[in-house]
Amino acid sequence: EKGPAAVLFSNPERQRTKRFIATLKQEAEKEGGGEG
């Protein structure tokens, strides 16, 4: 059974979201100096 996220994020949206999350991760790594 697919959750609401699957309905919310269709293919293009999911690609954008993944890129957005990747950017956030990069920013966090820069801010935190790669800790974690």
Protein backbone atom coordinates (compact mmCIF):
# COMPACT_ATOMS: atom_id res chain seq x y z
CA GLU A 1 0.00 0.00 0.00
CA LYS A 2 1.46 3.33 -1.07
CA GLY A 3 1.45 6.16 1.43
CA PRO A 4 0.40 9.75 0.70
CA ALA A 5 4.01 10.63 -0.13
CA ALA A 6 3.90 8.32 -3.16
CA VAL A 7 0.81 10.15 -4.39
CA LEU A 8 2.25 13.56 -3.58
CA PHE A 9 5.59 13.03 -5.28
CA SER A 10 5.17 11.88 -8.85
CA ASN A 11 8.29 11.24 -10.93
CA PRO A 12 9.31 14.85 -11.74
CA GLU A 13 8.45 16.04 -8.25
CA ARG A 14 10.44 13.22 -6.70
CA GLN A 15 13.47 14.09 -8.82
CA ARG A 16 13.21 17.70 -7.68
CA THR A 17 12.78 16.64 -4.08
CA LYS A 18 15.77 14.31 -4.22
CA ARG A 19 17.90 17.10 -5.65
CA PHE A 20 16.57 19.49 -3.02
CA ILE A 21 17.40 17.06 -0.21
CA ALA A 22 20.85 16.45 -1.70
CA THR A 23 21.45 20.20 -1.69
CA LEU A 24 20.32 20.46 1.92
CA LYS A 25 22.68 17.64 2.86
CA GLN A 26 25.59 19.37 1.13
CA GLU A 27 24.77 22.62 2.92
CA ALA A 28 24.55 20.81 6.25
CA GLU A 29 27.91 19.16 5.64
CA LYS A 30 29.48 22.51 4.82
CA GLU A 31 27.94 24.08 7.92
CA GLY A 32 28.80 21.21 10.26
CA GLY A 33 32.19 20.49 8.73
CA GLY A 34 31.15 16.95 7.76
CA GLU A 35 30.31 15.83 11.29
CA GLY A 36 27.66 13.18 11.84
